[in-house]
Protein backbone atom coordinates (compact mmCIF):
# COMPACT_ATOMS: atom_id res chain seq x y z
CA MET A 1 -5.63 -47.83 13.58
CA ARG A 2 -7.48 -43.79 13.59
CA VAL A 3 -10.44 -43.85 10.73
CA ALA A 4 -10.39 -40.10 9.93
CA PRO A 5 -14.41 -39.70 10.91
CA VAL A 6 -17.73 -39.68 8.27
CA GLY A 7 -19.51 -36.48 7.59
CA GLY A 8 -19.11 -33.08 7.40
CA THR A 9 -15.52 -32.65 8.28
CA ALA A 10 -13.47 -32.09 5.64
CA VAL A 11 -11.74 -29.11 5.04
CA GLN A 12 -11.47 -27.35 2.06
CA ASP A 13 -7.26 -25.71 0.42
CA HIS A 14 -8.71 -23.45 -1.76
CA VAL A 15 -5.45 -22.90 -3.20
CA ALA A 16 -4.36 -26.31 -3.32
CA LEU A 17 -7.99 -26.88 -5.55
CA ALA A 18 -6.57 -24.13 -7.63
CA GLU A 19 -3.33 -24.95 -8.57
CA ILE A 20 -4.96 -29.00 -9.61
CA GLU A 21 -7.18 -26.96 -11.74
CA LEU A 22 -5.09 -25.17 -13.15
CA CYS A 23 -2.17 -28.44 -13.42
CA GLY A 24 -5.47 -30.11 -15.39
CA GLU A 25 -5.69 -26.98 -17.59
CA LEU A 26 -2.44 -27.83 -18.87
CA ILE A 27 -2.49 -31.50 -19.17
CA ILE A 28 -5.72 -30.90 -21.29
CA ALA A 29 -4.01 -28.44 -23.39
CA ALA A 30 -0.85 -31.07 -23.61
CA SER A 31 -2.87 -33.53 -25.03
CA ALA A 32 -4.21 -31.55 -27.61
CA ALA A 33 -0.99 -30.52 -29.14
CA ASP A 34 1.19 -31.68 -31.84
CA ASP A 35 4.21 -30.94 -30.27
CA ARG A 36 5.27 -29.54 -26.53
CA LEU A 37 3.31 -26.62 -25.36
CA SER A 38 5.66 -23.32 -25.66
CA LEU A 39 5.92 -20.34 -23.25
CA GLU A 40 4.21 -18.68 -23.92
CA SER A 41 0.47 -21.54 -24.94
CA ILE A 42 1.78 -22.17 -20.60
CA ASP A 43 0.87 -18.88 -19.82
CA GLU A 44 -2.66 -18.51 -21.89
CA VAL A 45 -3.32 -21.23 -19.99
CA LEU A 46 -2.56 -20.38 -17.63
CA LYS A 47 -4.03 -17.33 -18.25
CA VAL A 48 -0.58 -15.13 -16.88
CA ALA A 49 -0.85 -12.01 -19.28
CA GLU A 50 -4.68 -11.51 -17.94
CA GLU A 51 -2.85 -11.54 -14.10
CA ARG A 52 -0.29 -9.39 -15.12
CA MET A 53 -2.69 -7.21 -16.56
CA ASP A 54 -5.17 -7.29 -13.27
CA THR A 55 -2.12 -6.37 -11.23
CA THR A 56 -0.49 -3.42 -13.37
CA ASP A 57 -4.03 -2.40 -13.74
CA SER A 58 -4.58 -2.05 -10.22
CA GLY A 59 -0.95 -0.41 -9.33
CA ALA A 60 0.41 -3.08 -6.93
């Protein structure tokens, strides 16, 4: 049986951590809502509109 070494050998996947954080934000928003989240509410939680504006502003 092989066991991962103890110590500072952890690798961080920043994309995965960001996705986990976004999932957490959605869970919090959904638990606070009285009904299902609308697509607009989901976009707001995920800051989709802000991301689109940043992309549009930069000309990408």
